[in-house]
Amino acid sequence: MIRKIATLAALTLTLAACATAQRFDAAGDVHALLVAIRDDDREAFEAHVDREALKRSLEARLVREAQGEGEGADDGWRAAVALLAPSVADLAGEALIRPEVFRAAARYYGYTPDQPLPNRLAIGGRLKPLSDGRVCATKVKDGPCLLVFTNVDGVWKLSGFEGDMADLRGKPRKSR
């Protein structure tokens, strides 16, 4: 019995260490993305963004939000939304996936040009491992995911945005 408990404890510690290592590994690339956004370095920005995954994420998000808005709508409305979502996401992707747009979102979340960027340790503390191997950034510890990152060939890239779409405009939301 003691042997089983010790084995279980060792396994738990190993898994926790892997999750922590994953978060801090990702933190370096998240920091590099923040620097690219701050410095308007489009080449470095593109190196840390999985544009296709981010477009698919936006597409799925647009479909979910449109279907939620149209709960009383008929099946024709839902079919139209599903049909148009890829085109809208493509246009949104081109318009939204730029350093200046994410700079506005960063300002909304408290990263202003007059403050130093958080270091790798601070960023790692705000990253949350997801069950599918990705990590997400939160505004507050244990808060909801805002930005999702996926390891693509050894580089953690921005692959999803789960925050409020209004945040990408950099305008404060009304309290809910």
C-alpha atoms as a PDB file:
ATOM      1  CA  MET A   1       0.000   0.000   0.000  1.00  0.00           C
ATOM      2  CA  ILE A   2       2.799   2.430   0.909  1.00  0.00           C
ATOM      3  CA  ARG A   3       4.539   1.538  -2.342  1.00  0.00           C
ATOM      4  CA  LYS A   4       1.406   2.433  -4.356  1.00  0.00           C
ATOM      5  CA  ILE A   5       1.085   5.763  -2.549  1.00  0.00           C
ATOM      6  CA  ALA A   6       4.768   6.546  -3.151  1.00  0.00           C
ATOM      7  CA  THR A   7       4.425   5.648  -6.846  1.00  0.00           C
ATOM      8  CA  LEU A   8       1.324   7.811  -7.164  1.00  0.00           C
ATOM      9  CA  ALA A   9       3.077  10.720  -5.415  1.00  0.00           C
ATOM     10  CA  ALA A  10       6.120  10.383  -7.702  1.00  0.00           C
ATOM     11  CA  LEU A  11       3.887  10.315 -10.781  1.00  0.00           C
ATOM     12  CA  THR A  12       2.003  13.398  -9.591  1.00  0.00           C
ATOM     13  CA  LEU A  13       5.254  15.303  -9.002  1.00  0.00           C
ATOM     14  CA  THR A  14       6.565  14.272 -12.418  1.00  0.00           C
ATOM     15  CA  LEU A  15       3.404  15.479 -14.169  1.00  0.00           C
ATOM     16  CA  ALA A  16       3.475  18.760 -12.229  1.00  0.00           C
ATOM     17  CA  ALA A  17       7.124  19.271 -13.179  1.00  0.00           C
ATOM     18  CA  CYS A  18       6.323  18.633 -16.863  1.00  0.00           C
ATOM     19  CA  ALA A  19       3.484  21.168 -16.785  1.00  0.00           C
ATOM     20  CA  THR A  20       5.763  23.713 -15.109  1.00  0.00           C
ATOM     21  CA  ALA A  21       8.573  23.074 -17.613  1.00  0.00           C
ATOM     22  CA  GLN A  22       6.061  23.433 -20.463  1.00  0.00           C
ATOM     23  CA  ARG A  23       4.800  26.770 -19.094  1.00  0.00           C
ATOM     24  CA  PHE A  24       8.297  28.220 -18.675  1.00  0.00           C
ATOM     25  CA  ASP A  25       9.421  26.911 -22.066  1.00  0.00           C
ATOM     26  CA  ALA A  26       6.438  28.697 -23.640  1.00  0.00           C
ATOM     27  CA  ALA A  27       7.108  31.840 -21.585  1.00  0.00           C
ATOM     28  CA  GLY A  28      10.258  32.631 -23.586  1.00  0.00           C
ATOM     29  CA  ASP A  29       8.344  32.658 -26.860  1.00  0.00           C
ATOM     30  CA  VAL A  30       5.445  34.600 -25.328  1.00  0.00           C
ATOM     31  CA  HIS A  31       7.975  37.203 -24.167  1.00  0.00           C
ATOM     32  CA  ALA A  32       9.447  37.337 -27.681  1.00  0.00           C
ATOM     33  CA  LEU A  33       5.934  37.909 -29.070  1.00  0.00           C
ATOM     34  CA  LEU A  34       5.353  40.749 -26.582  1.00  0.00           C
ATOM     35  CA  VAL A  35       8.656  42.353 -27.614  1.00  0.00           C
ATOM     36  CA  ALA A  36       7.680  42.030 -31.298  1.00  0.00           C
ATOM     37  CA  ILE A  37       4.318  43.656 -30.569  1.00  0.00           C
ATOM     38  CA  ARG A  38       5.905  46.474 -28.541  1.00  0.00           C
ATOM     39  CA  ASP A  39       8.580  47.136 -31.169  1.00  0.00           C
ATOM     40  CA  ASP A  40       6.221  46.702 -34.149  1.00  0.00           C
ATOM     41  CA  ASP A  41       8.606  44.036 -35.475  1.00  0.00           C
ATOM     42  CA  ARG A  42       6.416  42.325 -38.076  1.00  0.00           C
ATOM     43  CA  GLU A  43       8.961  39.622 -38.913  1.00  0.00           C
ATOM     44  CA  ALA A  44       9.354  38.522 -35.280  1.00  0.00           C
ATOM     45  CA  PHE A  45       5.581  38.848 -34.799  1.00  0.00           C
ATOM     46  CA  GLU A  46       4.912  36.509 -37.740  1.00  0.00           C
ATOM     47  CA  ALA A  47       7.489  34.038 -36.374  1.00  0.00           C
ATOM     48  CA  HIS A  48       5.433  33.748 -33.170  1.00  0.00           C
ATOM     49  CA  VAL A  49       1.943  33.602 -34.677  1.00  0.00           C
ATOM     50  CA  ASP A  50       0.323  30.534 -36.244  1.00  0.00           C
ATOM     51  CA  ARG A  51      -1.782  32.589 -38.634  1.00  0.00           C
ATOM     52  CA  GLU A  52      -3.832  29.651 -39.990  1.00  0.00           C
ATOM     53  CA  ALA A  53      -4.653  28.292 -36.530  1.00  0.00           C
ATOM     54  CA  LEU A  54      -5.563  31.777 -35.342  1.00  0.00           C
ATOM     55  CA  LYS A  55      -7.868  32.255 -38.363  1.00  0.00           C
ATOM     56  CA  ARG A  56      -9.552  28.883 -37.650  1.00  0.00           C
ATOM     57  CA  SER A  57      -9.970  29.925 -34.017  1.00  0.00           C
ATOM     58  CA  LEU A  58     -11.547  33.230 -35.059  1.00  0.00           C
ATOM     59  CA  GLU A  59     -13.801  31.401 -37.518  1.00  0.00           C
ATOM     60  CA  ALA A  60     -15.061  29.003 -34.859  1.00  0.00           C
ATOM     61  CA  ARG A  61     -15.547  31.914 -32.508  1.00  0.00           C
ATOM     62  CA  LEU A  62     -17.547  33.899 -35.061  1.00  0.00           C
ATOM     63  CA  VAL A  63     -19.808  30.903 -35.705  1.00  0.00           C
ATOM     64  CA  ARG A  64     -20.368  30.320 -31.965  1.00  0.00           C
ATOM     65  CA  GLU A  65     -21.128  33.975 -31.305  1.00  0.00           C
ATOM     66  CA  ALA A  66     -23.420  34.331 -34.328  1.00  0.00           C
ATOM     67  CA  GLN A  67     -25.343  31.203 -33.382  1.00  0.00           C
ATOM     68  CA  GLY A  68     -25.659  32.468 -29.837  1.00  0.00           C
ATOM     69  CA  GLU A  69     -26.990  35.799 -31.125  1.00  0.00           C
ATOM     70  CA  GLY A  70     -29.449  33.980 -33.338  1.00  0.00           C
ATOM     71  CA  GLU A  71     -30.899  31.538 -30.836  1.00  0.00           C
ATOM     72  CA  GLY A  72     -34.384  32.370 -32.096  1.00  0.00           C
ATOM     73  CA  ALA A  73     -33.216  32.219 -35.704  1.00  0.00           C
ATOM     74  CA  ASP A  74     -34.195  29.497 -38.100  1.00  0.00           C
ATOM     75  CA  ASP A  75     -31.910  26.889 -39.625  1.00  0.00           C
ATOM     76  CA  GLY A  76     -31.459  29.050 -42.747  1.00  0.00           C
ATOM     77  CA  TRP A  77     -29.799  31.770 -40.655  1.00  0.00           C
ATOM     78  CA  ARG A  78     -27.488  29.239 -39.012  1.00  0.00           C
ATOM     79  CA  ALA A  79     -26.581  27.744 -42.395  1.00  0.00           C
ATOM     80  CA  ALA A  80     -25.797  31.225 -43.751  1.00  0.00           C
ATOM     81  CA  VAL A  81     -23.568  31.952 -40.759  1.00  0.00           C
ATOM     82  CA  ALA A  82     -21.739  28.633 -41.212  1.00  0.00           C
ATOM     83  CA  LEU A  83     -21.303  29.346 -44.933  1.00  0.00           C
ATOM     84  CA  LEU A  84     -19.984  32.889 -44.462  1.00  0.00           C
ATOM     85  CA  ALA A  85     -17.814  32.282 -41.383  1.00  0.00           C
ATOM     86  CA  PRO A  86     -14.668  31.158 -43.281  1.00  0.00           C
ATOM     87  CA  SER A  87     -14.723  34.279 -45.500  1.00  0.00           C
ATOM     88  CA  VAL A  88     -15.406  36.585 -42.578  1.00  0.00           C
ATOM     89  CA  ALA A  89     -12.670  34.898 -40.525  1.00  0.00           C
ATOM     90  CA  ASP A  90     -10.252  35.291 -43.435  1.00  0.00           C
ATOM     91  CA  LEU A  91     -11.005  39.008 -43.653  1.00  0.00           C
ATOM     92  CA  ALA A  92     -10.907  39.351 -39.862  1.00  0.00           C
ATOM     93  CA  GLY A  93      -7.626  37.465 -39.790  1.00  0.00           C
ATOM     94  CA  GLU A  94      -6.022  39.881 -42.201  1.00  0.00           C
ATOM     95  CA  ALA A  95      -7.413  42.866 -40.320  1.00  0.00           C
ATOM     96  CA  LEU A  96      -6.798  41.631 -36.780  1.00  0.00           C
ATOM     97  CA  ILE A  97      -3.576  39.630 -36.915  1.00  0.00           C
ATOM     98  CA  ARG A  98      -1.177  42.571 -36.812  1.00  0.00           C
ATOM     99  CA  PRO A  99       1.174  43.844 -34.097  1.00  0.00           C
ATOM    100  CA  GLU A 100      -0.694  47.150 -33.708  1.00  0.00           C
ATOM    101  CA  VAL A 101      -4.007  45.378 -33.017  1.00  0.00           C
ATOM    102  CA  PHE A 102      -2.440  43.201 -30.347  1.00  0.00           C
ATOM    103  CA  ARG A 103      -0.662  46.275 -28.939  1.00  0.00           C
ATOM    104  CA  ALA A 104      -4.110  47.776 -28.293  1.00  0.00           C
ATOM    105  CA  ALA A 105      -5.202  44.555 -26.595  1.00  0.00           C
ATOM    106  CA  ALA A 106      -1.987  44.529 -24.544  1.00  0.00           C
ATOM    107  CA  ARG A 107      -2.730  48.079 -23.352  1.00  0.00           C
ATOM    108  CA  TYR A 108      -6.212  46.963 -22.320  1.00  0.00           C
ATOM    109  CA  TYR A 109      -4.628  44.179 -20.224  1.00  0.00           C
ATOM    110  CA  GLY A 110      -2.204  46.582 -18.561  1.00  0.00           C
ATOM    111  CA  TYR A 111       0.938  46.315 -20.700  1.00  0.00           C
ATOM    112  CA  THR A 112       1.631  49.940 -21.541  1.00  0.00           C
ATOM    113  CA  PRO A 113       4.711  51.335 -23.309  1.00  0.00           C
ATOM    114  CA  ASP A 114       5.886  53.080 -20.129  1.00  0.00           C
ATOM    115  CA  GLN A 115       6.135  49.785 -18.224  1.00  0.00           C
ATOM    116  CA  PRO A 116       8.754  47.102 -18.726  1.00  0.00           C
ATOM    117  CA  LEU A 117       7.544  43.826 -20.160  1.00  0.00           C
ATOM    118  CA  PRO A 118       7.163  41.060 -17.596  1.00  0.00           C
ATOM    119  CA  ASN A 119      10.065  38.633 -17.445  1.00  0.00           C
ATOM    120  CA  ARG A 120       9.906  34.965 -18.391  1.00  0.00           C
ATOM    121  CA  LEU A 121       9.210  33.896 -14.800  1.00  0.00           C
ATOM    122  CA  ALA A 122       6.268  36.302 -14.443  1.00  0.00           C
ATOM    123  CA  ILE A 123       4.847  35.259 -17.811  1.00  0.00           C
ATOM    124  CA  GLY A 124       5.257  31.572 -16.949  1.00  0.00           C
ATOM    125  CA  GLY A 125       3.243  32.150 -13.791  1.00  0.00           C
ATOM    126  CA  ARG A 126       0.308  33.378 -15.881  1.00  0.00           C
ATOM    127  CA  LEU A 127       0.401  30.510 -18.365  1.00  0.00           C
ATOM    128  CA  LYS A 128      -1.918  27.604 -17.808  1.00  0.00           C
ATOM    129  CA  PRO A 129      -1.277  24.184 -19.383  1.00  0.00           C
ATOM    130  CA  LEU A 130      -4.224  22.781 -21.323  1.00  0.00           C
ATOM    131  CA  SER A 131      -5.051  19.091 -21.601  1.00  0.00           C
ATOM    132  CA  ASP A 132      -4.196  18.998 -25.327  1.00  0.00           C
ATOM    133  CA  GLY A 133      -0.591  20.214 -24.859  1.00  0.00           C
ATOM    134  CA  ARG A 134      -1.238  23.881 -25.570  1.00  0.00           C
ATOM    135  CA  VAL A 135      -0.890  26.651 -22.974  1.00  0.00           C
ATOM    136  CA  CYS A 136      -2.989  29.727 -22.461  1.00  0.00           C
ATOM    137  CA  ALA A 137      -2.300  33.142 -21.012  1.00  0.00           C
ATOM    138  CA  THR A 138      -4.657  34.563 -18.419  1.00  0.00           C
ATOM    139  CA  LYS A 139      -5.059  38.102 -17.108  1.00  0.00           C
ATOM    140  CA  VAL A 140      -5.164  36.895 -13.510  1.00  0.00           C
ATOM    141  CA  LYS A 141      -3.863  33.691 -11.982  1.00  0.00           C
ATOM    142  CA  ASP A 142      -6.335  30.851 -12.571  1.00  0.00           C
ATOM    143  CA  GLY A 143      -8.510  33.201 -14.647  1.00  0.00           C
ATOM    144  CA  PRO A 144     -10.038  32.327 -18.005  1.00  0.00           C
ATOM    145  CA  CYS A 145      -7.832  31.808 -21.045  1.00  0.00           C
ATOM    146  CA  LEU A 146      -7.278  34.879 -23.200  1.00  0.00           C
ATOM    147  CA  LEU A 147      -4.469  33.919 -25.570  1.00  0.00           C
ATOM    148  CA  VAL A 148      -3.713  30.324 -26.578  1.00  0.00           C
ATOM    149  CA  PHE A 149      -0.264  29.138 -27.681  1.00  0.00           C
ATOM    150  CA  THR A 150       0.685  25.934 -29.491  1.00  0.00           C
ATOM    151  CA  ASN A 151       4.163  24.426 -29.833  1.00  0.00           C
ATOM    152  CA  VAL A 152       4.907  24.319 -33.559  1.00  0.00           C
ATOM    153  CA  ASP A 153       8.284  22.776 -34.374  1.00  0.00           C
ATOM    154  CA  GLY A 154       9.800  23.955 -31.087  1.00  0.00           C
ATOM    155  CA  VAL A 155       8.361  27.493 -31.155  1.00  0.00           C
ATOM    156  CA  TRP A 156       5.327  28.447 -29.074  1.00  0.00           C
ATOM    157  CA  LYS A 157       3.033  30.389 -31.388  1.00  0.00           C
ATOM    158  CA  LEU A 158      -0.128  32.349 -30.782  1.00  0.00           C
ATOM    159  CA  SER A 159      -2.877  30.090 -32.124  1.00  0.00           C
ATOM    160  CA  GLY A 160      -6.076  31.306 -30.479  1.00  0.00           C
ATOM    161  CA  PHE A 161      -7.756  34.305 -28.914  1.00  0.00           C
ATOM    162  CA  GLU A 162     -10.370  33.593 -26.244  1.00  0.00           C
ATOM    163  CA  GLY A 163     -10.771  37.103 -24.841  1.00  0.00           C
ATOM    164  CA  ASP A 164     -13.614  39.435 -25.666  1.00  0.00           C
ATOM    165  CA  MET A 165     -13.414  40.412 -29.344  1.00  0.00           C
ATOM    166  CA  ALA A 166     -13.961  44.045 -28.303  1.00  0.00           C
ATOM    167  CA  ASP A 167     -10.609  43.891 -26.477  1.00  0.00           C
ATOM    168  CA  LEU A 168      -8.815  43.725 -29.825  1.00  0.00           C
ATOM    169  CA  ARG A 169     -10.055  47.219 -30.550  1.00  0.00           C
ATOM    170  CA  GLY A 170      -8.296  48.384 -27.384  1.00  0.00           C
ATOM    171  CA  LYS A 171     -11.403  50.105 -26.053  1.00  0.00           C
ATOM    172  CA  PRO A 172     -12.488  49.471 -22.479  1.00  0.00           C
ATOM    173  CA  ARG A 173     -15.642  47.411 -22.124  1.00  0.00           C
ATOM    174  CA  LYS A 174     -18.590  48.472 -20.072  1.00  0.00           C
ATOM    175  CA  SER A 175     -18.843  46.685 -16.759  1.00  0.00           C
ATOM    176  CA  ARG A 176     -21.080  43.664 -16.833  1.00  0.00           C
END
